[in-house]
N, C-alpha and C. Protein backbone atom coordinates (compact mmCIF):
# COMPACT_ATOMS: atom_id res chain seq x y z
N MET A 1 -18.30 8.07 -7.56
CA MET A 1 -16.98 8.42 -5.96
C MET A 1 -15.60 8.17 -6.33
N GLY A 2 -14.68 7.59 -6.32
CA GLY A 2 -13.02 7.14 -6.48
C GLY A 2 -12.87 5.68 -5.76
N LYS A 3 -11.89 5.34 -5.72
CA LYS A 3 -11.66 4.36 -4.76
C LYS A 3 -10.64 4.89 -3.86
N ASN A 4 -10.83 3.67 -2.77
CA ASN A 4 -10.03 4.17 -1.62
C ASN A 4 -8.69 3.25 -1.33
N ILE A 5 -7.46 4.16 -0.97
CA ILE A 5 -7.06 3.86 -1.10
C ILE A 5 -5.95 4.24 0.40
N LEU A 6 -5.43 3.49 0.86
CA LEU A 6 -4.79 3.41 1.84
C LEU A 6 -3.32 3.37 1.48
N LEU A 7 -2.61 4.56 2.28
CA LEU A 7 -1.40 5.21 1.98
C LEU A 7 -0.39 4.68 3.64
N VAL A 8 0.66 3.34 3.66
CA VAL A 8 1.89 3.11 4.60
C VAL A 8 2.25 4.02 4.86
N GLU A 9 2.40 5.08 5.45
CA GLU A 9 3.57 5.49 4.96
C GLU A 9 4.35 6.45 5.76
N ASP A 10 5.68 6.57 6.27
CA ASP A 10 6.03 7.28 7.63
C ASP A 10 6.67 8.58 7.12
N GLU A 11 7.28 8.20 5.79
CA GLU A 11 8.46 9.36 5.02
C GLU A 11 7.94 10.84 4.12
N LYS A 12 7.32 12.11 5.20
CA LYS A 12 6.77 12.62 4.49
C LYS A 12 7.28 13.49 3.61
N ASN A 13 7.97 12.57 2.08
CA ASN A 13 8.57 13.25 0.96
C ASN A 13 7.32 12.51 0.42
N ILE A 14 7.26 10.96 0.40
CA ILE A 14 6.84 9.90 0.22
C ILE A 14 5.11 10.69 0.24
N ILE A 15 4.47 10.46 1.39
CA ILE A 15 3.10 10.74 0.66
C ILE A 15 2.50 11.88 0.35
N LEU A 16 3.80 13.14 -0.05
CA LEU A 16 3.19 14.17 -0.64
C LEU A 16 3.01 13.17 -2.25
N GLY A 17 4.12 13.14 -1.77
CA GLY A 17 3.81 12.79 -3.80
C GLY A 17 2.71 11.91 -4.00
N VAL A 18 3.23 10.56 -3.14
CA VAL A 18 1.64 9.94 -4.10
C VAL A 18 0.44 9.43 -3.64
N ARG A 19 -0.06 11.16 -2.79
CA ARG A 19 -0.96 11.51 -2.53
C ARG A 19 -1.08 12.63 -3.37
N THR A 20 -0.78 13.09 -4.01
CA THR A 20 -0.78 13.87 -4.87
C THR A 20 -1.21 13.86 -6.07
N CYS A 21 -0.34 12.22 -6.45
CA CYS A 21 -0.51 12.12 -8.05
C CYS A 21 -2.17 11.00 -7.91
N LEU A 22 -2.44 10.84 -6.14
CA LEU A 22 -3.54 9.32 -6.24
C LEU A 22 -4.96 10.60 -6.27
N ASP A 23 -4.31 11.58 -5.89
CA ASP A 23 -6.00 12.97 -5.63
C ASP A 23 -5.85 13.47 -7.30
N ALA A 24 -4.92 13.65 -7.79
CA ALA A 24 -5.39 14.01 -9.23
C ALA A 24 -5.96 13.32 -9.84
N VAL A 25 -6.56 11.93 -10.04
CA VAL A 25 -7.67 10.69 -10.59
C VAL A 25 -8.48 10.64 -9.93
N GLY A 26 -8.75 11.21 -8.17
CA GLY A 26 -9.75 10.61 -8.37
C GLY A 26 -9.80 10.17 -6.52
N TYR A 27 -8.41 9.41 -6.79
CA TYR A 27 -8.89 8.45 -5.40
C TYR A 27 -8.63 8.96 -4.35
N GLU A 28 -9.38 8.31 -3.38
CA GLU A 28 -9.74 8.82 -2.17
C GLU A 28 -8.57 8.30 -1.20
N VAL A 29 -7.56 8.95 -0.43
CA VAL A 29 -6.65 8.76 -0.10
C VAL A 29 -6.74 8.42 1.14
N GLU A 30 -5.74 7.37 2.32
CA GLU A 30 -5.67 8.22 3.37
C GLU A 30 -4.54 7.56 3.65
N VAL A 31 -4.26 8.11 4.89
CA VAL A 31 -2.83 7.87 4.81
C VAL A 31 -2.26 7.28 6.90
N ALA A 32 -1.73 6.49 6.88
CA ALA A 32 -1.72 5.75 7.74
C ALA A 32 0.79 5.62 8.05
N GLU A 33 0.35 7.03 9.17
CA GLU A 33 2.52 6.83 9.44
C GLU A 33 2.51 5.49 9.52
N ASN A 34 2.40 4.75 10.93
CA ASN A 34 2.57 3.67 11.24
C ASN A 34 2.07 2.53 11.40
N GLY A 35 2.76 1.27 11.66
CA GLY A 35 1.63 -0.60 11.24
C GLY A 35 0.23 -0.40 12.23
N GLU A 36 0.54 0.49 13.67
CA GLU A 36 -0.64 0.25 14.56
C GLU A 36 -1.65 1.09 13.82
N THR A 37 -1.17 2.41 13.17
CA THR A 37 -2.96 3.62 12.72
C THR A 37 -3.04 2.60 11.45
N ALA A 38 -2.46 1.59 10.49
CA ALA A 38 -2.83 1.36 9.60
C ALA A 38 -3.95 0.13 9.67
N LEU A 39 -3.56 -0.84 10.85
CA LEU A 39 -5.21 -1.77 11.31
C LEU A 39 -5.74 -0.89 12.06
N GLU A 40 -5.66 -0.23 12.38
CA GLU A 40 -7.36 0.80 13.09
C GLU A 40 -7.87 1.60 11.53
N ALA A 41 -6.84 2.21 10.17
CA ALA A 41 -7.73 2.73 9.81
C ALA A 41 -8.76 1.15 8.80
N VAL A 42 -8.08 -0.25 8.84
CA VAL A 42 -8.65 -0.61 8.09
C VAL A 42 -10.26 -1.03 8.89
N ARG A 43 -9.95 -1.71 9.83
CA ARG A 43 -11.05 -1.30 10.88
C ARG A 43 -12.13 -0.44 11.06
N ARG A 44 -11.57 0.80 10.16
CA ARG A 44 -12.67 1.54 10.36
C ARG A 44 -13.09 2.07 9.12
N LYS A 45 -12.29 1.67 8.06
CA LYS A 45 -12.88 1.80 6.27
C LYS A 45 -12.20 0.83 5.75
N LYS A 46 -12.57 0.22 5.69
CA LYS A 46 -11.79 -1.68 3.82
C LYS A 46 -11.64 -0.81 3.06
N PRO A 47 -10.70 -0.43 3.22
CA PRO A 47 -9.83 0.45 1.13
C PRO A 47 -10.35 -1.05 0.48
N ASP A 48 -10.25 -0.15 -0.59
CA ASP A 48 -9.86 -0.64 -1.99
C ASP A 48 -8.33 -1.23 -2.55
N LEU A 49 -7.90 -0.96 -1.71
CA LEU A 49 -6.22 -1.29 -2.19
C LEU A 49 -5.27 -0.35 -1.18
N ILE A 50 -4.28 -1.62 -0.82
CA ILE A 50 -3.08 -0.68 -0.07
C ILE A 50 -1.43 -0.65 -0.20
N LEU A 51 -1.10 0.19 -0.22
CA LEU A 51 0.50 0.78 -0.86
C LEU A 51 0.46 0.34 0.74
N LEU A 52 1.52 0.13 0.69
CA LEU A 52 2.08 -0.67 2.44
C LEU A 52 4.21 -0.70 2.07
N ASP A 53 4.56 0.27 3.34
CA ASP A 53 5.70 0.58 3.49
C ASP A 53 6.54 -0.41 4.42
N LEU A 54 7.48 -1.20 4.46
CA LEU A 54 7.66 -1.89 5.08
C LEU A 54 8.87 -1.68 6.98
N VAL A 55 9.60 -0.80 6.22
CA VAL A 55 10.02 0.14 7.75
C VAL A 55 9.64 1.22 8.00
N MET A 56 9.29 0.67 8.84
CA MET A 56 7.48 1.86 10.46
C MET A 56 8.07 1.87 12.13
N PRO A 57 7.65 3.04 11.86
CA PRO A 57 7.61 2.80 14.26
C PRO A 57 6.56 1.82 14.45
N LYS A 58 6.85 1.28 15.30
CA LYS A 58 5.29 0.57 16.47
C LYS A 58 5.17 -1.16 15.76
N CYS A 59 4.81 -0.70 14.20
CA CYS A 59 4.72 -2.26 13.87
C CYS A 59 4.71 -2.19 12.44
N ASP A 60 6.07 -3.16 12.33
CA ASP A 60 6.16 -2.81 10.59
C ASP A 60 5.35 -3.10 9.57
N GLY A 61 5.86 -3.06 8.50
CA GLY A 61 5.16 -3.01 7.12
C GLY A 61 4.95 -4.99 7.45
N PHE A 62 5.90 -5.67 7.54
CA PHE A 62 5.65 -7.59 7.49
C PHE A 62 4.57 -8.13 8.42
N GLU A 63 4.69 -7.19 9.92
CA GLU A 63 3.41 -7.39 10.63
C GLU A 63 2.08 -7.17 9.81
N VAL A 64 2.12 -5.92 9.43
CA VAL A 64 0.65 -5.51 9.86
C VAL A 64 0.55 -6.70 7.88
N LEU A 65 1.41 -7.01 7.27
CA LEU A 65 0.93 -7.86 5.80
C LEU A 65 0.18 -9.55 6.76
N GLU A 66 0.60 -9.87 7.68
CA GLU A 66 0.59 -10.88 7.75
C GLU A 66 -0.44 -10.86 8.41
N HIS A 67 -0.59 -10.27 9.64
CA HIS A 67 -2.31 -9.29 10.05
C HIS A 67 -3.35 -9.28 9.71
N LEU A 68 -3.09 -8.19 8.52
CA LEU A 68 -4.49 -8.89 7.55
C LEU A 68 -4.34 -9.54 6.50
N LYS A 69 -3.29 -10.54 6.05
CA LYS A 69 -3.39 -11.58 4.65
C LYS A 69 -4.20 -12.80 6.21
N SER A 70 -4.22 -13.05 7.05
CA SER A 70 -4.42 -14.29 8.29
C SER A 70 -5.81 -13.91 8.49
N ASP A 71 -6.30 -12.49 8.25
CA ASP A 71 -7.89 -12.12 8.99
C ASP A 71 -8.32 -12.30 7.73
N PRO A 72 -9.59 -13.43 8.19
CA PRO A 72 -10.83 -13.38 6.85
C PRO A 72 -11.47 -11.90 6.12
N GLY A 73 -11.46 -11.21 7.29
CA GLY A 73 -12.10 -9.72 6.58
C GLY A 73 -11.42 -8.69 5.77
N THR A 74 -9.96 -9.23 5.91
CA THR A 74 -9.12 -8.41 5.02
C THR A 74 -8.59 -9.29 4.06
N SER A 75 -8.05 -10.18 3.90
CA SER A 75 -7.67 -10.62 3.45
C SER A 75 -7.43 -10.84 1.69
N ASP A 76 -8.22 -10.31 2.26
CA ASP A 76 -8.74 -10.21 0.41
C ASP A 76 -8.76 -8.82 -0.33
N ILE A 77 -8.07 -8.46 0.43
CA ILE A 77 -7.68 -6.60 -0.16
C ILE A 77 -5.79 -6.81 -0.78
N PRO A 78 -5.95 -6.27 -1.94
CA PRO A 78 -4.09 -6.28 -2.14
C PRO A 78 -3.91 -5.68 -1.77
N VAL A 79 -2.66 -6.53 -1.89
CA VAL A 79 -1.49 -4.97 -0.65
C VAL A 79 -0.47 -4.84 -1.71
N VAL A 80 0.24 -4.13 -2.08
CA VAL A 80 1.39 -3.72 -2.88
C VAL A 80 2.65 -2.79 -1.52
N VAL A 81 3.23 -3.84 -1.59
CA VAL A 81 4.56 -3.23 -0.27
C VAL A 81 5.10 -2.06 -1.52
N LEU A 82 5.72 -0.96 -1.10
CA LEU A 82 5.99 0.38 -1.56
C LEU A 82 7.26 0.51 -0.70
N THR A 83 8.57 -0.16 -0.88
CA THR A 83 9.70 0.07 0.08
C THR A 83 10.84 0.21 0.27
N ALA A 84 11.71 1.10 0.17
CA ALA A 84 13.33 1.05 -0.49
C ALA A 84 14.05 -0.34 0.15
N LYS A 85 13.31 -1.30 0.74
CA LYS A 85 14.05 -2.50 0.90
C LYS A 85 13.54 -3.04 -0.19
N ALA A 86 14.76 -3.31 -0.61
CA ALA A 86 15.64 -3.87 -2.31
C ALA A 86 16.06 -5.05 -2.56
N GLY A 87 16.06 -5.52 -1.38
CA GLY A 87 16.53 -7.58 -1.59
C GLY A 87 15.80 -8.28 -1.70
N GLU A 88 16.40 -9.39 -2.04
CA GLU A 88 15.08 -10.59 -2.58
C GLU A 88 14.83 -11.12 -0.81
N GLU A 89 16.12 -11.18 -0.51
CA GLU A 89 14.61 -11.59 0.73
C GLU A 89 13.58 -11.19 1.49
N ASP A 90 13.84 -10.05 1.85
CA ASP A 90 12.65 -8.67 1.92
C ASP A 90 11.52 -9.02 0.51
N ARG A 91 11.77 -9.16 -0.44
CA ARG A 91 11.08 -9.04 -1.70
C ARG A 91 10.20 -10.59 -1.18
N GLU A 92 11.09 -11.93 -1.40
CA GLU A 92 10.43 -13.22 -1.16
C GLU A 92 9.86 -13.32 -0.18
N ARG A 93 10.16 -13.05 1.36
CA ARG A 93 9.25 -12.50 2.34
C ARG A 93 7.57 -11.68 2.34
N ALA A 94 7.87 -10.88 1.65
CA ALA A 94 6.58 -9.68 1.77
C ALA A 94 5.58 -11.04 0.38
N MET A 95 6.49 -11.20 -0.58
CA MET A 95 5.30 -12.06 -1.36
C MET A 95 4.63 -13.08 -1.13
N GLY A 96 5.46 -13.84 -0.28
CA GLY A 96 5.32 -15.31 0.81
C GLY A 96 3.91 -15.36 1.26
N LEU A 97 4.02 -13.55 2.32
CA LEU A 97 3.29 -13.46 3.33
C LEU A 97 1.76 -12.60 2.49
N GLY A 98 2.29 -12.51 1.06
CA GLY A 98 0.48 -12.91 0.18
C GLY A 98 0.75 -10.93 -0.38
N ALA A 99 1.84 -10.16 -0.40
CA ALA A 99 1.33 -9.07 -0.86
C ALA A 99 1.30 -9.24 -2.96
N ALA A 100 0.19 -8.66 -2.86
CA ALA A 100 0.07 -8.55 -5.01
C ALA A 100 1.55 -8.12 -5.30
N ALA A 101 1.78 -7.27 -4.68
CA ALA A 101 2.68 -6.73 -5.72
C ALA A 101 3.95 -5.93 -5.14
N TYR A 102 5.41 -6.10 -5.04
CA TYR A 102 6.47 -5.35 -4.24
C TYR A 102 7.37 -4.05 -5.47
N MET A 103 7.13 -3.08 -5.33
CA MET A 103 7.96 -1.80 -5.38
C MET A 103 9.03 -1.35 -4.91
N THR A 104 10.17 -1.05 -4.85
CA THR A 104 10.66 -0.57 -5.06
C THR A 104 11.01 1.10 -5.18
N LYS A 105 11.37 1.50 -3.37
CA LYS A 105 11.80 3.80 -3.58
C LYS A 105 13.16 3.63 -4.39
N PRO A 106 13.12 4.32 -5.26
CA PRO A 106 12.48 5.06 -5.80
C PRO A 106 11.81 4.27 -6.91
N PHE A 107 10.35 5.27 -7.29
CA PHE A 107 9.92 4.81 -8.78
C PHE A 107 9.64 6.06 -9.04
N ARG A 108 8.61 4.68 -10.38
CA ARG A 108 8.06 6.14 -11.12
C ARG A 108 6.52 6.06 -11.10
N PRO A 109 6.05 7.50 -11.35
CA PRO A 109 4.87 7.28 -11.57
C PRO A 109 4.39 6.37 -12.67
N GLN A 110 5.12 6.39 -13.35
CA GLN A 110 3.81 4.96 -14.30
C GLN A 110 4.23 3.62 -13.78
N GLU A 111 4.93 3.13 -13.01
CA GLU A 111 5.28 2.28 -12.26
C GLU A 111 3.97 1.68 -11.65
N LEU A 112 3.68 3.18 -10.37
CA LEU A 112 2.24 2.83 -9.97
C LEU A 112 1.16 2.62 -10.69
N TRP A 113 1.55 3.66 -11.95
CA TRP A 113 0.19 3.22 -12.57
C TRP A 113 -0.19 1.86 -12.42
N ASP A 114 0.99 1.11 -13.47
CA ASP A 114 0.65 -0.01 -14.40
C ASP A 114 0.48 -0.88 -12.99
N VAL A 115 0.72 -1.01 -12.26
CA VAL A 115 0.24 -1.93 -10.86
C VAL A 115 -0.73 -1.45 -9.88
N LEU A 116 -1.27 -0.54 -9.76
CA LEU A 116 -3.03 0.13 -9.46
C LEU A 116 -3.92 -0.37 -11.10
N LYS A 117 -3.29 -0.56 -11.46
CA LYS A 117 -4.08 -1.17 -13.06
C LYS A 117 -4.91 -2.42 -13.20
N LYS A 118 -3.37 -2.69 -12.65
CA LYS A 118 -3.33 -4.62 -12.18
C LYS A 118 -4.68 -4.69 -11.18
N PHE A 119 -4.77 -4.25 -10.63
CA PHE A 119 -5.60 -4.26 -9.23
C PHE A 119 -6.96 -3.81 -8.84
N LEU A 120 -7.26 -2.33 -9.29
CA LEU A 120 -8.18 -1.94 -9.95
C LEU A 120 -8.48 -1.46 -11.02
N PRO A 121 -9.04 -2.28 -11.52
CA PRO A 121 -9.58 -2.75 -13.10
C PRO A 121 -10.11 -0.83 -14.03
N ASP A 122 -10.24 -0.40 -12.94
CA ASP A 122 -11.12 1.01 -13.48
C ASP A 122 -10.27 2.62 -13.65
N ALA A 123 -8.85 2.06 -12.82
CA ALA A 123 -7.50 2.77 -13.31
C ALA A 123 -6.95 3.27 -14.68
N ASP A 124 -7.58 4.80 -15.00
CA ASP A 124 -7.45 4.83 -16.06
C ASP A 124 -5.61 6.15 -15.61
N ALA A 125 -5.99 6.36 -14.88
CA ALA A 125 -4.38 7.01 -14.76
C ALA A 125 -3.58 6.99 -16.28
N GLN A 126 -2.49 7.92 -16.23
CA GLN A 126 -1.89 7.93 -17.21
C GLN A 126 -0.03 9.09 -16.40
């Protein structure tokens, strides 16, 4: 059975592109379209990795990241920020809250694979 990845994203085109890439190589992908549903999804089934957008309705990615990293039950989940916010201040804030990596949109599929290989050692997709 493949690794379980939670994609926290509200932009339909990004969801489709990322999900298509990850499904094709055997990852189980669950999608949460806002921060509240992301936290509910993590409580239901702890993912192996989270891809987290920062700009979302209800509860933004910074709040989600802070909540995940302050909870001993979820603090060990690698969280990769995948966002359009390219500013250094946002990057520093996310990394300071415990993000494992920070990627900006648009991104190339190879960038995503490189990050997955870091945090999911059995990732052999190309």
